[in-house]
Amino acid sequence: MSMQMDGDRSASIMLPHLTRKEVLEALENKIVEITYETHNGPKRLARVTLQHKWIKELDNFPTGFETTREAALFDLHAVNALDIDNNQWITIEINKIKKIQIP
């Protein structure tokens, strides 16, 4: 994993060796910008998080799960997180992530 600092003091992490656990830990503590490939190919940028305060503010708790972590890890080889710009839960496959920016 390589890391570079942008002018705004955020860290851009370039892949390919970011683990699912590392992505999960970042999402639990911050709003993270993730650039990833979708199933149909084009790249997508999403601002996502697992922070309770954002989930509560957007009133979008995951249905059918006891904890946010359980919802985040539901899909194998992926993480589920709340897209705060679209107020929806999305699934991001770990091997499709191209870049993560952590403020």
PDB file of N, CA and C in Angstrom:
ATOM      1  N   MET A   1       0.858  -1.169   0.000  1.00  0.00           N
ATOM      2  CA  MET A   1       0.000   0.000   0.000  1.00  0.00           C
ATOM      3  C   MET A   1       0.897   1.222   0.000  1.00  0.00           C
ATOM      4  N   SER A   2       0.629   2.175  -0.872  1.00  0.00           N
ATOM      5  CA  SER A   2       1.375   3.422  -0.860  1.00  0.00           C
ATOM      6  C   SER A   2       0.433   4.540  -0.457  1.00  0.00           C
ATOM      7  N   MET A   3       0.994   5.537   0.208  1.00  0.00           N
ATOM      8  CA  MET A   3       0.180   6.618   0.717  1.00  0.00           C
ATOM      9  C   MET A   3       0.845   7.931   0.342  1.00  0.00           C
ATOM     10  N   GLN A   4       0.036   8.917  -0.067  1.00  0.00           N
ATOM     11  CA  GLN A   4       0.554  10.232  -0.345  1.00  0.00           C
ATOM     12  C   GLN A   4      -0.357  11.263   0.296  1.00  0.00           C
ATOM     13  N   MET A   5       0.241  12.377   0.710  1.00  0.00           N
ATOM     14  CA  MET A   5      -0.542  13.431   1.344  1.00  0.00           C
ATOM     15  C   MET A   5      -0.890  14.493   0.312  1.00  0.00           C
ATOM     16  N   ASP A   6      -2.153  14.890   0.257  1.00  0.00           N
ATOM     17  CA  ASP A   6      -2.599  15.965  -0.606  1.00  0.00           C
ATOM     18  C   ASP A   6      -2.425  17.280   0.143  1.00  0.00           C
ATOM     19  N   GLY A   7      -2.600  18.385  -0.569  1.00  0.00           N
ATOM     20  CA  GLY A   7      -2.445  19.704   0.031  1.00  0.00           C
ATOM     21  C   GLY A   7      -3.418  19.970   1.155  1.00  0.00           C
ATOM     22  N   ASP A   8      -4.563  19.298   1.187  1.00  0.00           N
ATOM     23  CA  ASP A   8      -5.566  19.529   2.221  1.00  0.00           C
ATOM     24  C   ASP A   8      -5.375  18.611   3.422  1.00  0.00           C
ATOM     25  N   ARG A   9      -4.209  17.997   3.534  1.00  0.00           N
ATOM     26  CA  ARG A   9      -3.823  17.149   4.666  1.00  0.00           C
ATOM     27  C   ARG A   9      -4.592  15.830   4.715  1.00  0.00           C
ATOM     28  N   SER A  10      -5.178  15.419   3.619  1.00  0.00           N
ATOM     29  CA  SER A  10      -5.824  14.120   3.593  1.00  0.00           C
ATOM     30  C   SER A  10      -4.865  13.118   2.968  1.00  0.00           C
ATOM     31  N   ALA A  11      -5.088  11.873   3.249  1.00  0.00           N
ATOM     32  CA  ALA A  11      -4.214  10.829   2.724  1.00  0.00           C
ATOM     33  C   ALA A  11      -4.911  10.124   1.573  1.00  0.00           C
ATOM     34  N   SER A  12      -4.208  10.004   0.462  1.00  0.00           N
ATOM     35  CA  SER A  12      -4.708   9.207  -0.657  1.00  0.00           C
ATOM     36  C   SER A  12      -3.976   7.888  -0.628  1.00  0.00           C
ATOM     37  N   ILE A  13      -4.722   6.823  -0.570  1.00  0.00           N
ATOM     38  CA  ILE A  13      -4.122   5.497  -0.527  1.00  0.00           C
ATOM     39  C   ILE A  13      -4.326   4.864  -1.888  1.00  0.00           C
ATOM     40  N   MET A  14      -3.217   4.528  -2.508  1.00  0.00           N
ATOM     41  CA  MET A  14      -3.279   3.887  -3.804  1.00  0.00           C
ATOM     42  C   MET A  14      -3.194   2.386  -3.585  1.00  0.00           C
ATOM     43  N   LEU A  15      -3.970   1.655  -4.319  1.00  0.00           N
ATOM     44  CA  LEU A  15      -4.031   0.224  -4.148  1.00  0.00           C
ATOM     45  C   LEU A  15      -3.005  -0.443  -5.036  1.00  0.00           C
ATOM     46  N   PRO A  16      -2.746  -1.701  -4.917  1.00  0.00           N
ATOM     47  CA  PRO A  16      -3.706  -2.769  -4.823  1.00  0.00           C
ATOM     48  C   PRO A  16      -3.764  -3.509  -3.501  1.00  0.00           C
ATOM     49  N   HIS A  17      -3.015  -3.196  -2.483  1.00  0.00           N
ATOM     50  CA  HIS A  17      -2.924  -4.092  -1.333  1.00  0.00           C
ATOM     51  C   HIS A  17      -3.612  -3.564  -0.080  1.00  0.00           C
ATOM     52  N   LEU A  18      -4.798  -3.082  -0.205  1.00  0.00           N
ATOM     53  CA  LEU A  18      -5.562  -2.639   0.949  1.00  0.00           C
ATOM     54  C   LEU A  18      -6.491  -3.781   1.354  1.00  0.00           C
ATOM     55  N   THR A  19      -6.488  -4.111   2.630  1.00  0.00           N
ATOM     56  CA  THR A  19      -7.318  -5.233   3.076  1.00  0.00           C
ATOM     57  C   THR A  19      -8.735  -4.769   3.405  1.00  0.00           C
ATOM     58  N   ARG A  20      -9.625  -5.725   3.471  1.00  0.00           N
ATOM     59  CA  ARG A  20     -11.013  -5.451   3.850  1.00  0.00           C
ATOM     60  C   ARG A  20     -11.068  -4.854   5.253  1.00  0.00           C
ATOM     61  N   LYS A  21     -10.244  -5.367   6.149  1.00  0.00           N
ATOM     62  CA  LYS A  21     -10.201  -4.869   7.521  1.00  0.00           C
ATOM     63  C   LYS A  21      -9.753  -3.405   7.559  1.00  0.00           C
ATOM     64  N   GLU A  22      -8.759  -3.041   6.759  1.00  0.00           N
ATOM     65  CA  GLU A  22      -8.283  -1.654   6.721  1.00  0.00           C
ATOM     66  C   GLU A  22      -9.360  -0.711   6.190  1.00  0.00           C
ATOM     67  N   VAL A  23     -10.092  -1.145   5.178  1.00  0.00           N
ATOM     68  CA  VAL A  23     -11.190  -0.339   4.639  1.00  0.00           C
ATOM     69  C   VAL A  23     -12.271  -0.175   5.704  1.00  0.00           C
ATOM     70  N   LEU A  24     -12.627  -1.254   6.370  1.00  0.00           N
ATOM     71  CA  LEU A  24     -13.646  -1.214   7.416  1.00  0.00           C
ATOM     72  C   LEU A  24     -13.252  -0.249   8.532  1.00  0.00           C
ATOM     73  N   GLU A  25     -12.018  -0.322   8.992  1.00  0.00           N
ATOM     74  CA  GLU A  25     -11.557   0.568  10.069  1.00  0.00           C
ATOM     75  C   GLU A  25     -11.617   2.034   9.649  1.00  0.00           C
ATOM     76  N   ALA A  26     -11.254   2.332   8.422  1.00  0.00           N
ATOM     77  CA  ALA A  26     -11.333   3.711   7.936  1.00  0.00           C
ATOM     78  C   ALA A  26     -12.784   4.185   7.905  1.00  0.00           C
ATOM     79  N   LEU A  27     -13.681   3.338   7.419  1.00  0.00           N
ATOM     80  CA  LEU A  27     -15.095   3.698   7.324  1.00  0.00           C
ATOM     81  C   LEU A  27     -15.740   3.897   8.684  1.00  0.00           C
ATOM     82  N   GLU A  28     -15.299   3.150   9.686  1.00  0.00           N
ATOM     83  CA  GLU A  28     -15.877   3.283  11.024  1.00  0.00           C
ATOM     84  C   GLU A  28     -15.463   4.584  11.705  1.00  0.00           C
ATOM     85  N   ASN A  29     -14.385   5.205  11.227  1.00  0.00           N
ATOM     86  CA  ASN A  29     -13.851   6.391  11.893  1.00  0.00           C
ATOM     87  C   ASN A  29     -13.953   7.688  11.104  1.00  0.00           C
ATOM     88  N   LYS A  30     -14.218   7.608   9.809  1.00  0.00           N
ATOM     89  CA  LYS A  30     -14.187   8.807   8.966  1.00  0.00           C
ATOM     90  C   LYS A  30     -15.219   8.710   7.847  1.00  0.00           C
ATOM     91  N   ILE A  31     -15.372   9.818   7.149  1.00  0.00           N
ATOM     92  CA  ILE A  31     -16.034   9.815   5.847  1.00  0.00           C
ATOM     93  C   ILE A  31     -14.906   9.619   4.844  1.00  0.00           C
ATOM     94  N   VAL A  32     -15.032   8.619   4.018  1.00  0.00           N
ATOM     95  CA  VAL A  32     -13.962   8.221   3.121  1.00  0.00           C
ATOM     96  C   VAL A  32     -14.439   8.366   1.678  1.00  0.00           C
ATOM     97  N   GLU A  33     -13.587   8.934   0.829  1.00  0.00           N
ATOM     98  CA  GLU A  33     -13.886   8.991  -0.602  1.00  0.00           C
ATOM     99  C   GLU A  33     -13.255   7.776  -1.263  1.00  0.00           C
ATOM    100  N   ILE A  34     -14.078   6.974  -1.906  1.00  0.00           N
ATOM    101  CA  ILE A  34     -13.594   5.761  -2.547  1.00  0.00           C
ATOM    102  C   ILE A  34     -13.921   5.829  -4.031  1.00  0.00           C
ATOM    103  N   THR A  35     -12.903   5.624  -4.843  1.00  0.00           N
ATOM    104  CA  THR A  35     -13.096   5.476  -6.277  1.00  0.00           C
ATOM    105  C   THR A  35     -13.011   3.988  -6.570  1.00  0.00           C
ATOM    106  N   TYR A  36     -14.049   3.468  -7.207  1.00  0.00           N
ATOM    107  CA  TYR A  36     -14.099   2.030  -7.464  1.00  0.00           C
ATOM    108  C   TYR A  36     -14.794   1.763  -8.797  1.00  0.00           C
ATOM    109  N   GLU A  37     -14.568   0.562  -9.321  1.00  0.00           N
ATOM    110  CA  GLU A  37     -15.232   0.151 -10.553  1.00  0.00           C
ATOM    111  C   GLU A  37     -16.564  -0.504 -10.207  1.00  0.00           C
ATOM    112  N   THR A  38     -17.564  -0.213 -11.008  1.00  0.00           N
ATOM    113  CA  THR A  38     -18.870  -0.836 -10.825  1.00  0.00           C
ATOM    114  C   THR A  38     -18.928  -2.136 -11.629  1.00  0.00           C
ATOM    115  N   HIS A  39     -20.017  -2.861 -11.483  1.00  0.00           N
ATOM    116  CA  HIS A  39     -20.172  -4.129 -12.215  1.00  0.00           C
ATOM    117  C   HIS A  39     -20.161  -3.930 -13.727  1.00  0.00           C
ATOM    118  N   ASN A  40     -20.714  -2.800 -14.201  1.00  0.00           N
ATOM    119  CA  ASN A  40     -20.729  -2.569 -15.634  1.00  0.00           C
ATOM    120  C   ASN A  40     -19.495  -1.831 -16.132  1.00  0.00           C
ATOM    121  N   GLY A  41     -18.501  -1.615 -15.268  1.00  0.00           N
ATOM    122  CA  GLY A  41     -17.220  -1.116 -15.737  1.00  0.00           C
ATOM    123  C   GLY A  41     -16.804   0.290 -15.362  1.00  0.00           C
ATOM    124  N   PRO A  42     -17.663   1.314 -15.494  1.00  0.00           N
ATOM    125  CA  PRO A  42     -17.162   2.673 -15.248  1.00  0.00           C
ATOM    126  C   PRO A  42     -16.794   2.893 -13.776  1.00  0.00           C
ATOM    127  N   LYS A  43     -15.829   3.769 -13.575  1.00  0.00           N
ATOM    128  CA  LYS A  43     -15.437   4.109 -12.205  1.00  0.00           C
ATOM    129  C   LYS A  43     -16.484   5.018 -11.590  1.00  0.00           C
ATOM    130  N   ARG A  44     -16.602   4.921 -10.278  1.00  0.00           N
ATOM    131  CA  ARG A  44     -17.549   5.743  -9.526  1.00  0.00           C
ATOM    132  C   ARG A  44     -16.847   6.266  -8.287  1.00  0.00           C
ATOM    133  N   LEU A  45     -17.112   7.498  -7.925  1.00  0.00           N
ATOM    134  CA  LEU A  45     -16.592   8.099  -6.701  1.00  0.00           C
ATOM    135  C   LEU A  45     -17.741   8.217  -5.714  1.00  0.00           C
ATOM    136  N   ALA A  46     -17.524   7.712  -4.497  1.00  0.00           N
ATOM    137  CA  ALA A  46     -18.565   7.787  -3.469  1.00  0.00           C
ATOM    138  C   ALA A  46     -17.938   8.241  -2.159  1.00  0.00           C
ATOM    139  N   ARG A  47     -18.666   9.090  -1.437  1.00  0.00           N
ATOM    140  CA  ARG A  47     -18.272   9.459  -0.074  1.00  0.00           C
ATOM    141  C   ARG A  47     -19.090   8.588   0.849  1.00  0.00           C
ATOM    142  N   VAL A  48     -18.409   7.682   1.546  1.00  0.00           N
ATOM    143  CA  VAL A  48     -19.087   6.669   2.354  1.00  0.00           C
ATOM    144  C   VAL A  48     -18.559   6.649   3.780  1.00  0.00           C
ATOM    145  N   THR A  49     -19.383   6.105   4.675  1.00  0.00           N
ATOM    146  CA  THR A  49     -18.990   6.001   6.074  1.00  0.00           C
ATOM    147  C   THR A  49     -19.811   4.918   6.767  1.00  0.00           C
ATOM    148  N   LEU A  50     -19.321   4.552   7.944  1.00  0.00           N
ATOM    149  CA  LEU A  50     -20.070   3.696   8.867  1.00  0.00           C
ATOM    150  C   LEU A  50     -20.228   4.391  10.213  1.00  0.00           C
ATOM    151  N   GLN A  51     -19.961   5.685  10.252  1.00  0.00           N
ATOM    152  CA  GLN A  51     -20.074   6.431  11.502  1.00  0.00           C
ATOM    153  C   GLN A  51     -21.541   6.544  11.927  1.00  0.00           C
ATOM    154  N   HIS A  52     -21.777   6.215  13.183  1.00  0.00           N
ATOM    155  CA  HIS A  52     -23.135   6.219  13.732  1.00  0.00           C
ATOM    156  C   HIS A  52     -23.802   7.586  13.593  1.00  0.00           C
ATOM    157  N   LYS A  53     -23.049   8.661  13.825  1.00  0.00           N
ATOM    158  CA  LYS A  53     -23.664   9.995  13.786  1.00  0.00           C
ATOM    159  C   LYS A  53     -24.215  10.319  12.394  1.00  0.00           C
ATOM    160  N   TRP A  54     -23.559   9.876  11.330  1.00  0.00           N
ATOM    161  CA  TRP A  54     -24.051  10.116   9.974  1.00  0.00           C
ATOM    162  C   TRP A  54     -25.245   9.230   9.653  1.00  0.00           C
ATOM    163  N   ILE A  55     -25.181   7.975  10.077  1.00  0.00           N
ATOM    164  CA  ILE A  55     -26.288   7.061   9.833  1.00  0.00           C
ATOM    165  C   ILE A  55     -27.542   7.573  10.548  1.00  0.00           C
ATOM    166  N   LYS A  56     -27.355   8.076  11.765  1.00  0.00           N
ATOM    167  CA  LYS A  56     -28.473   8.623  12.537  1.00  0.00           C
ATOM    168  C   LYS A  56     -28.999   9.911  11.902  1.00  0.00           C
ATOM    169  N   GLU A  57     -28.090  10.802  11.510  1.00  0.00           N
ATOM    170  CA  GLU A  57     -28.499  12.080  10.922  1.00  0.00           C
ATOM    171  C   GLU A  57     -29.286  11.873   9.623  1.00  0.00           C
ATOM    172  N   LEU A  58     -28.853  10.905   8.816  1.00  0.00           N
ATOM    173  CA  LEU A  58     -29.534  10.629   7.555  1.00  0.00           C
ATOM    174  C   LEU A  58     -30.697   9.646   7.733  1.00  0.00           C
ATOM    175  N   ASP A  59     -30.887   9.182   8.976  1.00  0.00           N
ATOM    176  CA  ASP A  59     -31.964   8.254   9.320  1.00  0.00           C
ATOM    177  C   ASP A  59     -31.979   7.061   8.371  1.00  0.00           C
ATOM    178  N   ASN A  60     -30.831   6.406   8.274  1.00  0.00           N
ATOM    179  CA  ASN A  60     -30.704   5.297   7.337  1.00  0.00           C
ATOM    180  C   ASN A  60     -29.956   4.133   7.986  1.00  0.00           C
ATOM    181  N   PHE A  61     -30.550   3.577   9.029  1.00  0.00           N
ATOM    182  CA  PHE A  61     -29.955   2.408   9.678  1.00  0.00           C
ATOM    183  C   PHE A  61     -30.187   1.179   8.803  1.00  0.00           C
ATOM    184  N   PRO A  62     -29.211   0.288   8.734  1.00  0.00           N
ATOM    185  CA  PRO A  62     -29.387  -0.907   7.900  1.00  0.00           C
ATOM    186  C   PRO A  62     -30.476  -1.816   8.474  1.00  0.00           C
ATOM    187  N   THR A  63     -31.397  -2.222   7.642  1.00  0.00           N
ATOM    188  CA  THR A  63     -32.527  -3.053   8.056  1.00  0.00           C
ATOM    189  C   THR A  63     -32.116  -4.519   8.121  1.00  0.00           C
ATOM    190  N   GLY A  64     -32.514  -5.189   9.197  1.00  0.00           N
ATOM    191  CA  GLY A  64     -32.292  -6.623   9.299  1.00  0.00           C
ATOM    192  C   GLY A  64     -30.959  -7.018   9.917  1.00  0.00           C
ATOM    193  N   PHE A  65     -30.215  -6.063  10.446  1.00  0.00           N
ATOM    194  CA  PHE A  65     -28.922  -6.345  11.068  1.00  0.00           C
ATOM    195  C   PHE A  65     -28.916  -5.817  12.493  1.00  0.00           C
ATOM    196  N   GLU A  66     -28.192  -6.506  13.371  1.00  0.00           N
ATOM    197  CA  GLU A  66     -28.105  -6.055  14.755  1.00  0.00           C
ATOM    198  C   GLU A  66     -27.104  -4.924  14.929  1.00  0.00           C
ATOM    199  N   THR A  67     -26.040  -4.912  14.105  1.00  0.00           N
ATOM    200  CA  THR A  67     -25.021  -3.873  14.215  1.00  0.00           C
ATOM    201  C   THR A  67     -24.645  -3.358  12.825  1.00  0.00           C
ATOM    202  N   THR A  68     -24.080  -2.188  12.804  1.00  0.00           N
ATOM    203  CA  THR A  68     -23.590  -1.613  11.551  1.00  0.00           C
ATOM    204  C   THR A  68     -22.455  -2.452  10.997  1.00  0.00           C
ATOM    205  N   ARG A  69     -21.602  -2.958  11.863  1.00  0.00           N
ATOM    206  CA  ARG A  69     -20.480  -3.799  11.421  1.00  0.00           C
ATOM    207  C   ARG A  69     -20.983  -5.070  10.741  1.00  0.00           C
ATOM    208  N   GLU A  70     -22.033  -5.664  11.296  1.00  0.00           N
ATOM    209  CA  GLU A  70     -22.617  -6.856  10.680  1.00  0.00           C
ATOM    210  C   GLU A  70     -23.109  -6.538   9.264  1.00  0.00           C
ATOM    211  N   ALA A  71     -23.753  -5.390   9.093  1.00  0.00           N
ATOM    212  CA  ALA A  71     -24.216  -4.971   7.771  1.00  0.00           C
ATOM    213  C   ALA A  71     -23.040  -4.711   6.832  1.00  0.00           C
ATOM    214  N   ALA A  72     -21.993  -4.089   7.362  1.00  0.00           N
ATOM    215  CA  ALA A  72     -20.832  -3.756   6.540  1.00  0.00           C
ATOM    216  C   ALA A  72     -20.132  -4.994   6.004  1.00  0.00           C
ATOM    217  N   LEU A  73     -20.126  -6.061   6.778  1.00  0.00           N
ATOM    218  CA  LEU A  73     -19.391  -7.268   6.401  1.00  0.00           C
ATOM    219  C   LEU A  73     -20.286  -8.366   5.820  1.00  0.00           C
ATOM    220  N   PHE A  74     -21.520  -8.046   5.512  1.00  0.00           N
ATOM    221  CA  PHE A  74     -22.476  -9.054   5.041  1.00  0.00           C
ATOM    222  C   PHE A  74     -22.034  -9.731   3.746  1.00  0.00           C
ATOM    223  N   ASP A  75     -21.529  -8.964   2.803  1.00  0.00           N
ATOM    224  CA  ASP A  75     -21.102  -9.520   1.514  1.00  0.00           C
ATOM    225  C   ASP A  75     -19.632  -9.908   1.562  1.00  0.00           C
ATOM    226  N   LEU A  76     -19.350 -11.134   1.159  1.00  0.00           N
ATOM    227  CA  LEU A  76     -17.982 -11.644   1.149  1.00  0.00           C
ATOM    228  C   LEU A  76     -17.151 -10.871   0.121  1.00  0.00           C
ATOM    229  N   HIS A  77     -15.931 -10.521   0.474  1.00  0.00           N
ATOM    230  CA  HIS A  77     -14.992  -9.804  -0.402  1.00  0.00           C
ATOM    231  C   HIS A  77     -15.460  -8.388  -0.742  1.00  0.00           C
ATOM    232  N   ALA A  78     -16.313  -7.823   0.108  1.00  0.00           N
ATOM    233  CA  ALA A  78     -16.831  -6.477  -0.127  1.00  0.00           C
ATOM    234  C   ALA A  78     -17.141  -5.822   1.211  1.00  0.00           C
ATOM    235  N   VAL A  79     -17.388  -4.522   1.164  1.00  0.00           N
ATOM    236  CA  VAL A  79     -17.901  -3.805   2.326  1.00  0.00           C
ATOM    237  C   VAL A  79     -19.166  -3.076   1.896  1.00  0.00           C
ATOM    238  N   ASN A  80     -20.104  -2.994   2.801  1.00  0.00           N
ATOM    239  CA  ASN A  80     -21.323  -2.214   2.586  1.00  0.00           C
ATOM    240  C   ASN A  80     -21.195  -0.974   3.454  1.00  0.00           C
ATOM    241  N   ALA A  81     -21.521   0.173   2.890  1.00  0.00           N
ATOM    242  CA  ALA A  81     -21.394   1.422   3.632  1.00  0.00           C
ATOM    243  C   ALA A  81     -22.444   2.412   3.139  1.00  0.00           C
ATOM    244  N   LEU A  82     -22.671   3.440   3.948  1.00  0.00           N
ATOM    245  CA  LEU A  82     -23.652   4.463   3.611  1.00  0.00           C
ATOM    246  C   LEU A  82     -23.015   5.531   2.731  1.00  0.00           C
ATOM    247  N   ASP A  83     -23.547   5.698   1.540  1.00  0.00           N
ATOM    248  CA  ASP A  83     -23.158   6.782   0.638  1.00  0.00           C
ATOM    249  C   ASP A  83     -23.883   8.028   1.151  1.00  0.00           C
ATOM    250  N   ILE A  84     -23.141   8.962   1.722  1.00  0.00           N
ATOM    251  CA  ILE A  84     -23.783  10.100   2.391  1.00  0.00           C
ATOM    252  C   ILE A  84     -24.345  11.132   1.421  1.00  0.00           C
ATOM    253  N   ASP A  85     -23.880  11.140   0.179  1.00  0.00           N
ATOM    254  CA  ASP A  85     -24.410  12.097  -0.794  1.00  0.00           C
ATOM    255  C   ASP A  85     -25.752  11.636  -1.370  1.00  0.00           C
ATOM    256  N   ASN A  86     -25.935  10.326  -1.482  1.00  0.00           N
ATOM    257  CA  ASN A  86     -27.171   9.773  -2.039  1.00  0.00           C
ATOM    258  C   ASN A  86     -28.061   9.126  -0.980  1.00  0.00           C
ATOM    259  N   ASN A  87     -27.598   9.112   0.264  1.00  0.00           N
ATOM    260  CA  ASN A  87     -28.328   8.513   1.385  1.00  0.00           C
ATOM    261  C   ASN A  87     -28.814   7.104   1.042  1.00  0.00           C
ATOM    262  N   GLN A  88     -27.867   6.274   0.603  1.00  0.00           N
ATOM    263  CA  GLN A  88     -28.192   4.879   0.316  1.00  0.00           C
ATOM    264  C   GLN A  88     -27.007   3.991   0.659  1.00  0.00           C
ATOM    265  N   TRP A  89     -27.317   2.757   1.001  1.00  0.00           N
ATOM    266  CA  TRP A  89     -26.275   1.787   1.289  1.00  0.00           C
ATOM    267  C   TRP A  89     -25.778   1.205  -0.026  1.00  0.00           C
ATOM    268  N   ILE A  90     -24.457   1.143  -0.169  1.00  0.00           N
ATOM    269  CA  ILE A  90     -23.871   0.581  -1.382  1.00  0.00           C
ATOM    270  C   ILE A  90     -22.884  -0.517  -1.011  1.00  0.00           C
ATOM    271  N   THR A  91     -22.668  -1.418  -1.939  1.00  0.00           N
ATOM    272  CA  THR A  91     -21.701  -2.497  -1.777  1.00  0.00           C
ATOM    273  C   THR A  91     -20.498  -2.193  -2.653  1.00  0.00           C
ATOM    274  N   ILE A  92     -19.318  -2.205  -2.039  1.00  0.00           N
ATOM    275  CA  ILE A  92     -18.073  -1.945  -2.770  1.00  0.00           C
ATOM    276  C   ILE A  92     -17.188  -3.173  -2.642  1.00  0.00           C
ATOM    277  N   GLU A  93     -16.911  -3.804  -3.760  1.00  0.00           N
ATOM    278  CA  GLU A  93     -16.024  -4.954  -3.759  1.00  0.00           C
ATOM    279  C   GLU A  93     -14.586  -4.481  -3.545  1.00  0.00           C
ATOM    280  N   ILE A  94     -13.892  -5.125  -2.624  1.00  0.00           N
ATOM    281  CA  ILE A  94     -12.540  -4.710  -2.263  1.00  0.00           C
ATOM    282  C   ILE A  94     -11.609  -4.716  -3.474  1.00  0.00           C
ATOM    283  N   ASN A  95     -11.698  -5.726  -4.315  1.00  0.00           N
ATOM    284  CA  ASN A  95     -10.793  -5.810  -5.467  1.00  0.00           C
ATOM    285  C   ASN A  95     -11.139  -4.826  -6.578  1.00  0.00           C
ATOM    286  N   LYS A  96     -12.257  -4.103  -6.441  1.00  0.00           N
ATOM    287  CA  LYS A  96     -12.657  -3.090  -7.437  1.00  0.00           C
ATOM    288  C   LYS A  96     -12.276  -1.674  -7.007  1.00  0.00           C
ATOM    289  N   ILE A  97     -11.750  -1.526  -5.780  1.00  0.00           N
ATOM    290  CA  ILE A  97     -11.349  -0.210  -5.281  1.00  0.00           C
ATOM    291  C   ILE A  97     -10.059   0.212  -5.972  1.00  0.00           C
ATOM    292  N   LYS A  98     -10.073   1.430  -6.504  1.00  0.00           N
ATOM    293  CA  LYS A  98      -8.906   1.980  -7.197  1.00  0.00           C
ATOM    294  C   LYS A  98      -8.154   2.999  -6.350  1.00  0.00           C
ATOM    295  N   LYS A  99      -8.902   3.737  -5.520  1.00  0.00           N
ATOM    296  CA  LYS A  99      -8.267   4.790  -4.698  1.00  0.00           C
ATOM    297  C   LYS A  99      -9.175   5.090  -3.512  1.00  0.00           C
ATOM    298  N   ILE A 100      -8.532   5.345  -2.374  1.00  0.00           N
ATOM    299  CA  ILE A 100      -9.264   5.781  -1.180  1.00  0.00           C
ATOM    300  C   ILE A 100      -8.610   7.052  -0.677  1.00  0.00           C
ATOM    301  N   GLN A 101      -9.438   8.044  -0.398  1.00  0.00           N
ATOM    302  CA  GLN A 101      -8.937   9.276   0.194  1.00  0.00           C
ATOM    303  C   GLN A 101      -9.551   9.422   1.568  1.00  0.00           C
ATOM    304  N   ILE A 102      -8.676   9.489   2.582  1.00  0.00           N
ATOM    305  CA  ILE A 102      -9.118   9.579   3.978  1.00  0.00           C
ATOM    306  C   ILE A 102      -8.720  10.953   4.515  1.00  0.00           C
ATOM    307  N   PRO A 103      -9.712  11.777   4.859  1.00  0.00           N
ATOM    308  CA  PRO A 103      -9.383  13.127   5.367  1.00  0.00           C
ATOM    309  C   PRO A 103      -8.716  13.090   6.735  1.00  0.00           C
TER     310      PRO A 103
END
